[in-house]
mmCIF file of all heavy atoms, coordinates in Angstrom:
data_MODEL
# 
_entry.id   MODEL 
# 
loop_
_atom_site.group_PDB 
_atom_site.id 
_atom_site.type_symbol 
_atom_site.label_atom_id 
_atom_site.label_alt_id 
_atom_site.label_comp_id 
_atom_site.label_asym_id 
_atom_site.label_entity_id 
_atom_site.label_seq_id 
_atom_site.pdbx_PDB_ins_code 
_atom_site.Cartn_x 
_atom_site.Cartn_y 
_atom_site.Cartn_z 
_atom_site.occupancy 
_atom_site.B_iso_or_equiv 
_atom_site.pdbx_formal_charge 
_atom_site.auth_seq_id 
_atom_site.auth_comp_id 
_atom_site.auth_asym_id 
_atom_site.auth_atom_id 
_atom_site.pdbx_PDB_model_num 
ATOM 1   N N   . MET A 1 1  ? 188.592 -88.898 142.511 1.00 0.00 ? 1  MET A N   1 
ATOM 2   C CA  . MET A 1 1  ? 188.321 -87.868 143.551 1.00 0.00 ? 1  MET A CA  1 
ATOM 3   C C   . MET A 1 1  ? 187.049 -87.190 143.271 1.00 0.00 ? 1  MET A C   1 
ATOM 4   O O   . MET A 1 1  ? 186.243 -86.937 144.118 1.00 0.00 ? 1  MET A O   1 
ATOM 5   C CB  . MET A 1 1  ? 189.485 -86.814 143.518 1.00 0.00 ? 1  MET A CB  1 
ATOM 6   C CG  . MET A 1 1  ? 189.356 -85.827 144.614 1.00 0.00 ? 1  MET A CG  1 
ATOM 7   S SD  . MET A 1 1  ? 189.663 -86.558 146.232 1.00 0.00 ? 1  MET A SD  1 
ATOM 8   C CE  . MET A 1 1  ? 190.700 -85.394 146.994 1.00 0.00 ? 1  MET A CE  1 
ATOM 9   N N   . HIS A 1 2  ? 186.756 -86.940 141.984 1.00 0.00 ? 2  HIS A N   1 
ATOM 10  C CA  . HIS A 1 2  ? 185.496 -86.291 141.568 1.00 0.00 ? 2  HIS A CA  1 
ATOM 11  C C   . HIS A 1 2  ? 184.341 -87.188 141.965 1.00 0.00 ? 2  HIS A C   1 
ATOM 12  O O   . HIS A 1 2  ? 183.315 -86.724 142.512 1.00 0.00 ? 2  HIS A O   1 
ATOM 13  C CB  . HIS A 1 2  ? 185.529 -85.982 140.083 1.00 0.00 ? 2  HIS A CB  1 
ATOM 14  C CG  . HIS A 1 2  ? 184.325 -85.202 139.604 1.00 0.00 ? 2  HIS A CG  1 
ATOM 15  N ND1 . HIS A 1 2  ? 184.155 -83.899 139.911 1.00 0.00 ? 2  HIS A ND1 1 
ATOM 16  C CD2 . HIS A 1 2  ? 183.257 -85.597 138.880 1.00 0.00 ? 2  HIS A CD2 1 
ATOM 17  C CE1 . HIS A 1 2  ? 183.018 -83.508 139.379 1.00 0.00 ? 2  HIS A CE1 1 
ATOM 18  N NE2 . HIS A 1 2  ? 182.430 -84.529 138.758 1.00 0.00 ? 2  HIS A NE2 1 
ATOM 19  N N   . GLN A 1 3  ? 184.422 -88.498 141.654 1.00 0.00 ? 3  GLN A N   1 
ATOM 20  C CA  . GLN A 1 3  ? 183.329 -89.411 141.962 1.00 0.00 ? 3  GLN A CA  1 
ATOM 21  C C   . GLN A 1 3  ? 183.086 -89.517 143.446 1.00 0.00 ? 3  GLN A C   1 
ATOM 22  O O   . GLN A 1 3  ? 181.987 -89.534 143.933 1.00 0.00 ? 3  GLN A O   1 
ATOM 23  C CB  . GLN A 1 3  ? 183.633 -90.818 141.351 1.00 0.00 ? 3  GLN A CB  1 
ATOM 24  C CG  . GLN A 1 3  ? 182.480 -91.798 141.577 1.00 0.00 ? 3  GLN A CG  1 
ATOM 25  C CD  . GLN A 1 3  ? 181.197 -91.381 140.923 1.00 0.00 ? 3  GLN A CD  1 
ATOM 26  O OE1 . GLN A 1 3  ? 181.129 -90.972 139.743 1.00 0.00 ? 3  GLN A OE1 1 
ATOM 27  N NE2 . GLN A 1 3  ? 180.089 -91.436 141.673 1.00 0.00 ? 3  GLN A NE2 1 
ATOM 28  N N   . LEU A 1 4  ? 184.200 -89.601 144.194 1.00 0.00 ? 4  LEU A N   1 
ATOM 29  C CA  . LEU A 1 4  ? 184.071 -89.691 145.659 1.00 0.00 ? 4  LEU A CA  1 
ATOM 30  C C   . LEU A 1 4  ? 183.461 -88.421 146.263 1.00 0.00 ? 4  LEU A C   1 
ATOM 31  O O   . LEU A 1 4  ? 182.658 -88.520 147.185 1.00 0.00 ? 4  LEU A O   1 
ATOM 32  C CB  . LEU A 1 4  ? 185.464 -89.925 146.295 1.00 0.00 ? 4  LEU A CB  1 
ATOM 33  C CG  . LEU A 1 4  ? 185.952 -91.374 146.150 1.00 0.00 ? 4  LEU A CG  1 
ATOM 34  C CD1 . LEU A 1 4  ? 187.469 -91.413 146.627 1.00 0.00 ? 4  LEU A CD1 1 
ATOM 35  C CD2 . LEU A 1 4  ? 185.173 -92.332 147.070 1.00 0.00 ? 4  LEU A CD2 1 
ATOM 36  N N   . SER A 1 5  ? 183.760 -87.284 145.688 1.00 0.00 ? 5  SER A N   1 
ATOM 37  C CA  . SER A 1 5  ? 183.198 -86.038 146.221 1.00 0.00 ? 5  SER A CA  1 
ATOM 38  C C   . SER A 1 5  ? 181.744 -85.973 145.913 1.00 0.00 ? 5  SER A C   1 
ATOM 39  O O   . SER A 1 5  ? 180.905 -85.509 146.737 1.00 0.00 ? 5  SER A O   1 
ATOM 40  C CB  . SER A 1 5  ? 183.927 -84.836 145.700 1.00 0.00 ? 5  SER A CB  1 
ATOM 41  O OG  . SER A 1 5  ? 183.672 -84.641 144.327 1.00 0.00 ? 5  SER A OG  1 
ATOM 42  N N   . GLU A 1 6  ? 181.316 -86.485 144.741 1.00 0.00 ? 6  GLU A N   1 
ATOM 43  C CA  . GLU A 1 6  ? 179.871 -86.584 144.449 1.00 0.00 ? 6  GLU A CA  1 
ATOM 44  C C   . GLU A 1 6  ? 179.157 -87.546 145.397 1.00 0.00 ? 6  GLU A C   1 
ATOM 45  O O   . GLU A 1 6  ? 178.032 -87.251 145.885 1.00 0.00 ? 6  GLU A O   1 
ATOM 46  C CB  . GLU A 1 6  ? 179.642 -86.988 142.955 1.00 0.00 ? 6  GLU A CB  1 
ATOM 47  C CG  . GLU A 1 6  ? 179.951 -85.840 142.016 1.00 0.00 ? 6  GLU A CG  1 
ATOM 48  C CD  . GLU A 1 6  ? 179.687 -86.251 140.563 1.00 0.00 ? 6  GLU A CD  1 
ATOM 49  O OE1 . GLU A 1 6  ? 179.161 -87.374 140.321 1.00 0.00 ? 6  GLU A OE1 1 
ATOM 50  O OE2 . GLU A 1 6  ? 179.961 -85.412 139.694 1.00 0.00 ? 6  GLU A OE2 1 
ATOM 51  N N   . ASP A 1 7  ? 179.769 -88.701 145.605 1.00 0.00 ? 7  ASP A N   1 
ATOM 52  C CA  . ASP A 1 7  ? 179.162 -89.670 146.543 1.00 0.00 ? 7  ASP A CA  1 
ATOM 53  C C   . ASP A 1 7  ? 179.070 -89.068 147.965 1.00 0.00 ? 7  ASP A C   1 
ATOM 54  O O   . ASP A 1 7  ? 178.118 -89.272 148.665 1.00 0.00 ? 7  ASP A O   1 
ATOM 55  C CB  . ASP A 1 7  ? 180.027 -90.927 146.593 1.00 0.00 ? 7  ASP A CB  1 
ATOM 56  C CG  . ASP A 1 7  ? 179.970 -91.786 145.294 1.00 0.00 ? 7  ASP A CG  1 
ATOM 57  O OD1 . ASP A 1 7  ? 179.054 -91.486 144.481 1.00 0.00 ? 7  ASP A OD1 1 
ATOM 58  O OD2 . ASP A 1 7  ? 180.776 -92.677 145.125 1.00 0.00 ? 7  ASP A OD2 1 
ATOM 59  N N   . LEU A 1 8  ? 180.114 -88.336 148.333 1.00 0.00 ? 8  LEU A N   1 
ATOM 60  C CA  . LEU A 1 8  ? 180.100 -87.702 149.661 1.00 0.00 ? 8  LEU A CA  1 
ATOM 61  C C   . LEU A 1 8  ? 178.943 -86.636 149.812 1.00 0.00 ? 8  LEU A C   1 
ATOM 62  O O   . LEU A 1 8  ? 178.265 -86.616 150.788 1.00 0.00 ? 8  LEU A O   1 
ATOM 63  C CB  . LEU A 1 8  ? 181.447 -87.075 149.984 1.00 0.00 ? 8  LEU A CB  1 
ATOM 64  C CG  . LEU A 1 8  ? 181.607 -86.513 151.359 1.00 0.00 ? 8  LEU A CG  1 
ATOM 65  C CD1 . LEU A 1 8  ? 181.356 -87.572 152.462 1.00 0.00 ? 8  LEU A CD1 1 
ATOM 66  C CD2 . LEU A 1 8  ? 183.012 -85.949 151.538 1.00 0.00 ? 8  LEU A CD2 1 
ATOM 67  N N   . ALA A 1 9  ? 178.823 -85.867 148.701 1.00 0.00 ? 9  ALA A N   1 
ATOM 68  C CA  . ALA A 1 9  ? 177.736 -84.866 148.705 1.00 0.00 ? 9  ALA A CA  1 
ATOM 69  C C   . ALA A 1 9  ? 176.335 -85.562 148.778 1.00 0.00 ? 9  ALA A C   1 
ATOM 70  O O   . ALA A 1 9  ? 175.458 -85.081 149.532 1.00 0.00 ? 9  ALA A O   1 
ATOM 71  C CB  . ALA A 1 9  ? 177.814 -83.956 147.425 1.00 0.00 ? 9  ALA A CB  1 
ATOM 72  N N   . SER A 1 10 ? 176.180 -86.660 148.099 1.00 0.00 ? 10 SER A N   1 
ATOM 73  C CA  . SER A 1 10 ? 174.929 -87.396 148.112 1.00 0.00 ? 10 SER A CA  1 
ATOM 74  C C   . SER A 1 10 ? 174.747 -87.975 149.529 1.00 0.00 ? 10 SER A C   1 
ATOM 75  O O   . SER A 1 10 ? 173.556 -87.927 150.052 1.00 0.00 ? 10 SER A O   1 
ATOM 76  C CB  . SER A 1 10 ? 174.974 -88.540 147.116 1.00 0.00 ? 10 SER A CB  1 
ATOM 77  O OG  . SER A 1 10 ? 173.862 -89.406 147.234 1.00 0.00 ? 10 SER A OG  1 
ATOM 78  N N   . THR A 1 11 ? 175.773 -88.479 150.149 1.00 0.00 ? 11 THR A N   1 
ATOM 79  C CA  . THR A 1 11 ? 175.638 -89.049 151.484 1.00 0.00 ? 11 THR A CA  1 
ATOM 80  C C   . THR A 1 11 ? 175.348 -88.003 152.483 1.00 0.00 ? 11 THR A C   1 
ATOM 81  O O   . THR A 1 11 ? 174.534 -88.209 153.409 1.00 0.00 ? 11 THR A O   1 
ATOM 82  C CB  . THR A 1 11 ? 176.933 -89.734 151.848 1.00 0.00 ? 11 THR A CB  1 
ATOM 83  O OG1 . THR A 1 11 ? 177.181 -90.828 150.903 1.00 0.00 ? 11 THR A OG1 1 
ATOM 84  C CG2 . THR A 1 11 ? 176.907 -90.371 153.238 1.00 0.00 ? 11 THR A CG2 1 
ATOM 85  N N   . GLU A 1 12 ? 175.860 -86.806 152.359 1.00 0.00 ? 12 GLU A N   1 
ATOM 86  C CA  . GLU A 1 12 ? 175.582 -85.640 153.241 1.00 0.00 ? 12 GLU A CA  1 
ATOM 87  C C   . GLU A 1 12 ? 174.103 -85.372 153.173 1.00 0.00 ? 12 GLU A C   1 
ATOM 88  O O   . GLU A 1 12 ? 173.465 -85.126 154.263 1.00 0.00 ? 12 GLU A O   1 
ATOM 89  C CB  . GLU A 1 12 ? 176.363 -84.411 152.863 1.00 0.00 ? 12 GLU A CB  1 
ATOM 90  C CG  . GLU A 1 12 ? 177.868 -84.527 153.073 1.00 0.00 ? 12 GLU A CG  1 
ATOM 91  C CD  . GLU A 1 12 ? 178.325 -84.613 154.523 1.00 0.00 ? 12 GLU A CD  1 
ATOM 92  O OE1 . GLU A 1 12 ? 177.535 -84.354 155.433 1.00 0.00 ? 12 GLU A OE1 1 
ATOM 93  O OE2 . GLU A 1 12 ? 179.526 -84.895 154.725 1.00 0.00 ? 12 GLU A OE2 1 
ATOM 94  N N   . ASN A 1 13 ? 173.485 -85.370 151.987 1.00 0.00 ? 13 ASN A N   1 
ATOM 95  C CA  . ASN A 1 13 ? 172.048 -85.145 151.846 1.00 0.00 ? 13 ASN A CA  1 
ATOM 96  C C   . ASN A 1 13 ? 171.269 -86.233 152.526 1.00 0.00 ? 13 ASN A C   1 
ATOM 97  O O   . ASN A 1 13 ? 170.204 -85.954 153.217 1.00 0.00 ? 13 ASN A O   1 
ATOM 98  C CB  . ASN A 1 13 ? 171.636 -85.051 150.360 1.00 0.00 ? 13 ASN A CB  1 
ATOM 99  C CG  . ASN A 1 13 ? 172.163 -83.833 149.747 1.00 0.00 ? 13 ASN A CG  1 
ATOM 100 O OD1 . ASN A 1 13 ? 172.373 -82.768 150.340 1.00 0.00 ? 13 ASN A OD1 1 
ATOM 101 N ND2 . ASN A 1 13 ? 172.397 -83.877 148.443 1.00 0.00 ? 13 ASN A ND2 1 
ATOM 102 N N   . LYS A 1 14 ? 171.660 -87.498 152.404 1.00 0.00 ? 14 LYS A N   1 
ATOM 103 C CA  . LYS A 1 14 ? 171.016 -88.624 153.079 1.00 0.00 ? 14 LYS A CA  1 
ATOM 104 C C   . LYS A 1 14 ? 171.085 -88.468 154.583 1.00 0.00 ? 14 LYS A C   1 
ATOM 105 O O   . LYS A 1 14 ? 170.115 -88.754 155.350 1.00 0.00 ? 14 LYS A O   1 
ATOM 106 C CB  . LYS A 1 14 ? 171.581 -89.920 152.606 1.00 0.00 ? 14 LYS A CB  1 
ATOM 107 C CG  . LYS A 1 14 ? 171.237 -90.241 151.207 1.00 0.00 ? 14 LYS A CG  1 
ATOM 108 C CD  . LYS A 1 14 ? 171.890 -91.544 150.740 1.00 0.00 ? 14 LYS A CD  1 
ATOM 109 C CE  . LYS A 1 14 ? 171.667 -91.778 149.307 1.00 0.00 ? 14 LYS A CE  1 
ATOM 110 N NZ  . LYS A 1 14 ? 172.427 -92.908 148.812 1.00 0.00 ? 14 LYS A NZ  1 
ATOM 111 N N   . ILE A 1 15 ? 172.257 -88.034 155.105 1.00 0.00 ? 15 ILE A N   1 
ATOM 112 C CA  . ILE A 1 15 ? 172.408 -87.863 156.557 1.00 0.00 ? 15 ILE A CA  1 
ATOM 113 C C   . ILE A 1 15 ? 171.476 -86.714 156.992 1.00 0.00 ? 15 ILE A C   1 
ATOM 114 O O   . ILE A 1 15 ? 170.837 -86.871 158.055 1.00 0.00 ? 15 ILE A O   1 
ATOM 115 C CB  . ILE A 1 15 ? 173.896 -87.503 156.908 1.00 0.00 ? 15 ILE A CB  1 
ATOM 116 C CG1 . ILE A 1 15 ? 174.791 -88.665 156.674 1.00 0.00 ? 15 ILE A CG1 1 
ATOM 117 C CG2 . ILE A 1 15 ? 174.012 -86.966 158.303 1.00 0.00 ? 15 ILE A CG2 1 
ATOM 118 C CD1 . ILE A 1 15 ? 176.270 -88.382 156.752 1.00 0.00 ? 15 ILE A CD1 1 
ATOM 119 N N   . SER A 1 16 ? 171.344 -85.659 156.253 1.00 0.00 ? 16 SER A N   1 
ATOM 120 C CA  . SER A 1 16 ? 170.448 -84.561 156.658 1.00 0.00 ? 16 SER A CA  1 
ATOM 121 C C   . SER A 1 16 ? 169.024 -85.045 156.701 1.00 0.00 ? 16 SER A C   1 
ATOM 122 O O   . SER A 1 16 ? 168.321 -84.735 157.685 1.00 0.00 ? 16 SER A O   1 
ATOM 123 C CB  . SER A 1 16 ? 170.616 -83.477 155.609 1.00 0.00 ? 16 SER A CB  1 
ATOM 124 O OG  . SER A 1 16 ? 169.795 -82.399 155.914 1.00 0.00 ? 16 SER A OG  1 
ATOM 125 N N   . ARG A 1 17 ? 168.577 -85.825 155.764 1.00 0.00 ? 17 ARG A N   1 
ATOM 126 C CA  . ARG A 1 17 ? 167.183 -86.384 155.811 1.00 0.00 ? 17 ARG A CA  1 
ATOM 127 C C   . ARG A 1 17 ? 167.012 -87.343 156.956 1.00 0.00 ? 17 ARG A C   1 
ATOM 128 O O   . ARG A 1 17 ? 165.978 -87.291 157.656 1.00 0.00 ? 17 ARG A O   1 
ATOM 129 C CB  . ARG A 1 17 ? 166.884 -87.072 154.507 1.00 0.00 ? 17 ARG A CB  1 
ATOM 130 C CG  . ARG A 1 17 ? 166.643 -86.027 153.322 1.00 0.00 ? 17 ARG A CG  1 
ATOM 131 C CD  . ARG A 1 17 ? 166.018 -86.746 152.141 1.00 0.00 ? 17 ARG A CD  1 
ATOM 132 N NE  . ARG A 1 17 ? 166.847 -87.773 151.570 1.00 0.00 ? 17 ARG A NE  1 
ATOM 133 C CZ  . ARG A 1 17 ? 167.770 -87.575 150.618 1.00 0.00 ? 17 ARG A CZ  1 
ATOM 134 N NH1 . ARG A 1 17 ? 168.070 -86.413 150.225 1.00 0.00 ? 17 ARG A NH1 1 
ATOM 135 N NH2 . ARG A 1 17 ? 168.450 -88.625 150.166 1.00 0.00 ? 17 ARG A NH2 1 
ATOM 136 N N   . ALA A 1 18 ? 168.031 -88.186 157.229 1.00 0.00 ? 18 ALA A N   1 
ATOM 137 C CA  . ALA A 1 18 ? 167.968 -89.127 158.373 1.00 0.00 ? 18 ALA A CA  1 
ATOM 138 C C   . ALA A 1 18 ? 167.926 -88.382 159.710 1.00 0.00 ? 18 ALA A C   1 
ATOM 139 O O   . ALA A 1 18 ? 167.207 -88.759 160.613 1.00 0.00 ? 18 ALA A O   1 
ATOM 140 C CB  . ALA A 1 18 ? 169.101 -90.099 158.276 1.00 0.00 ? 18 ALA A CB  1 
ATOM 141 N N   . ARG A 1 19 ? 168.710 -87.270 159.781 1.00 0.00 ? 19 ARG A N   1 
ATOM 142 C CA  . ARG A 1 19 ? 168.658 -86.475 161.038 1.00 0.00 ? 19 ARG A CA  1 
ATOM 143 C C   . ARG A 1 19 ? 167.290 -85.906 161.265 1.00 0.00 ? 19 ARG A C   1 
ATOM 144 O O   . ARG A 1 19 ? 166.796 -85.861 162.363 1.00 0.00 ? 19 ARG A O   1 
ATOM 145 C CB  . ARG A 1 19 ? 169.703 -85.326 160.899 1.00 0.00 ? 19 ARG A CB  1 
ATOM 146 C CG  . ARG A 1 19 ? 170.968 -85.650 161.603 1.00 0.00 ? 19 ARG A CG  1 
ATOM 147 C CD  . ARG A 1 19 ? 171.851 -84.406 161.830 1.00 0.00 ? 19 ARG A CD  1 
ATOM 148 N NE  . ARG A 1 19 ? 171.853 -83.482 160.745 1.00 0.00 ? 19 ARG A NE  1 
ATOM 149 C CZ  . ARG A 1 19 ? 172.814 -83.209 159.912 1.00 0.00 ? 19 ARG A CZ  1 
ATOM 150 N NH1 . ARG A 1 19 ? 173.959 -83.876 160.034 1.00 0.00 ? 19 ARG A NH1 1 
ATOM 151 N NH2 . ARG A 1 19 ? 172.749 -82.332 158.951 1.00 0.00 ? 19 ARG A NH2 1 
ATOM 152 N N   . LYS A 1 20 ? 166.681 -85.423 160.210 1.00 0.00 ? 20 LYS A N   1 
ATOM 153 C CA  . LYS A 1 20 ? 165.320 -84.822 160.314 1.00 0.00 ? 20 LYS A CA  1 
ATOM 154 C C   . LYS A 1 20 ? 164.327 -85.868 160.773 1.00 0.00 ? 20 LYS A C   1 
ATOM 155 O O   . LYS A 1 20 ? 163.558 -85.604 161.735 1.00 0.00 ? 20 LYS A O   1 
ATOM 156 C CB  . LYS A 1 20 ? 164.891 -84.292 158.946 1.00 0.00 ? 20 LYS A CB  1 
ATOM 157 C CG  . LYS A 1 20 ? 163.506 -83.586 158.967 1.00 0.00 ? 20 LYS A CG  1 
ATOM 158 C CD  . LYS A 1 20 ? 163.235 -82.993 157.583 1.00 0.00 ? 20 LYS A CD  1 
ATOM 159 C CE  . LYS A 1 20 ? 161.964 -82.235 157.559 1.00 0.00 ? 20 LYS A CE  1 
ATOM 160 N NZ  . LYS A 1 20 ? 160.738 -82.953 157.706 1.00 0.00 ? 20 LYS A NZ  1 
ATOM 161 N N   . ALA A 1 21 ? 164.375 -87.060 160.220 1.00 0.00 ? 21 ALA A N   1 
ATOM 162 C CA  . ALA A 1 21 ? 163.460 -88.163 160.674 1.00 0.00 ? 21 ALA A CA  1 
ATOM 163 C C   . ALA A 1 21 ? 163.756 -88.574 162.125 1.00 0.00 ? 21 ALA A C   1 
ATOM 164 O O   . ALA A 1 21 ? 162.807 -88.781 162.899 1.00 0.00 ? 21 ALA A O   1 
ATOM 165 C CB  . ALA A 1 21 ? 163.662 -89.367 159.783 1.00 0.00 ? 21 ALA A CB  1 
ATOM 166 N N   . TYR A 1 22 ? 165.014 -88.577 162.498 1.00 0.00 ? 22 TYR A N   1 
ATOM 167 C CA  . TYR A 1 22 ? 165.393 -88.917 163.844 1.00 0.00 ? 22 TYR A CA  1 
ATOM 168 C C   . TYR A 1 22 ? 164.876 -87.840 164.855 1.00 0.00 ? 22 TYR A C   1 
ATOM 169 O O   . TYR A 1 22 ? 164.240 -88.209 165.837 1.00 0.00 ? 22 TYR A O   1 
ATOM 170 C CB  . TYR A 1 22 ? 166.969 -89.020 163.973 1.00 0.00 ? 22 TYR A CB  1 
ATOM 171 C CG  . TYR A 1 22 ? 167.433 -89.053 165.436 1.00 0.00 ? 22 TYR A CG  1 
ATOM 172 C CD1 . TYR A 1 22 ? 167.313 -90.237 166.181 1.00 0.00 ? 22 TYR A CD1 1 
ATOM 173 C CD2 . TYR A 1 22 ? 167.939 -87.909 165.982 1.00 0.00 ? 22 TYR A CD2 1 
ATOM 174 C CE1 . TYR A 1 22 ? 167.749 -90.277 167.474 1.00 0.00 ? 22 TYR A CE1 1 
ATOM 175 C CE2 . TYR A 1 22 ? 168.397 -87.943 167.342 1.00 0.00 ? 22 TYR A CE2 1 
ATOM 176 C CZ  . TYR A 1 22 ? 168.323 -89.119 168.048 1.00 0.00 ? 22 TYR A CZ  1 
ATOM 177 O OH  . TYR A 1 22 ? 168.732 -89.126 169.338 1.00 0.00 ? 22 TYR A OH  1 
ATOM 178 N N   . ASN A 1 23 ? 165.028 -86.566 164.498 1.00 0.00 ? 23 ASN A N   1 
ATOM 179 C CA  . ASN A 1 23 ? 164.588 -85.520 165.389 1.00 0.00 ? 23 ASN A CA  1 
ATOM 180 C C   . ASN A 1 23 ? 163.065 -85.514 165.490 1.00 0.00 ? 23 ASN A C   1 
ATOM 181 O O   . ASN A 1 23 ? 162.592 -85.221 166.629 1.00 0.00 ? 23 ASN A O   1 
ATOM 182 C CB  . ASN A 1 23 ? 165.072 -84.168 164.877 1.00 0.00 ? 23 ASN A CB  1 
ATOM 183 C CG  . ASN A 1 23 ? 166.541 -83.923 165.166 1.00 0.00 ? 23 ASN A CG  1 
ATOM 184 O OD1 . ASN A 1 23 ? 167.107 -84.588 166.080 1.00 0.00 ? 23 ASN A OD1 1 
ATOM 185 N ND2 . ASN A 1 23 ? 167.147 -82.964 164.502 1.00 0.00 ? 23 ASN A ND2 1 
ATOM 186 N N   . GLU A 1 24 ? 162.396 -85.834 164.463 1.00 0.00 ? 24 GLU A N   1 
ATOM 187 C CA  . GLU A 1 24 ? 160.879 -85.937 164.548 1.00 0.00 ? 24 GLU A CA  1 
ATOM 188 C C   . GLU A 1 24 ? 160.467 -87.089 165.456 1.00 0.00 ? 24 GLU A C   1 
ATOM 189 O O   . GLU A 1 24 ? 159.542 -86.933 166.233 1.00 0.00 ? 24 GLU A O   1 
ATOM 190 C CB  . GLU A 1 24 ? 160.270 -86.076 163.172 1.00 0.00 ? 24 GLU A CB  1 
ATOM 191 C CG  . GLU A 1 24 ? 160.377 -84.783 162.279 1.00 0.00 ? 24 GLU A CG  1 
ATOM 192 C CD  . GLU A 1 24 ? 160.025 -85.025 160.861 1.00 0.00 ? 24 GLU A CD  1 
ATOM 193 O OE1 . GLU A 1 24 ? 159.711 -86.145 160.445 1.00 0.00 ? 24 GLU A OE1 1 
ATOM 194 O OE2 . GLU A 1 24 ? 159.943 -83.991 160.119 1.00 0.00 ? 24 GLU A OE2 1 
ATOM 195 N N   . ALA A 1 25 ? 161.171 -88.214 165.304 1.00 0.00 ? 25 ALA A N   1 
ATOM 196 C CA  . ALA A 1 25 ? 160.828 -89.427 166.175 1.00 0.00 ? 25 ALA A CA  1 
ATOM 197 C C   . ALA A 1 25 ? 161.174 -89.067 167.627 1.00 0.00 ? 25 ALA A C   1 
ATOM 198 O O   . ALA A 1 25 ? 160.408 -89.456 168.531 1.00 0.00 ? 25 ALA A O   1 
ATOM 199 C CB  . ALA A 1 25 ? 161.626 -90.596 165.680 1.00 0.00 ? 25 ALA A CB  1 
# 
């Protein structure tokens, strides 16, 4: 559960960066 929550937090950060790139495009 701990590892999955860390992976999820990392993925949330990647989604945030991808959203920023998408909005700029």
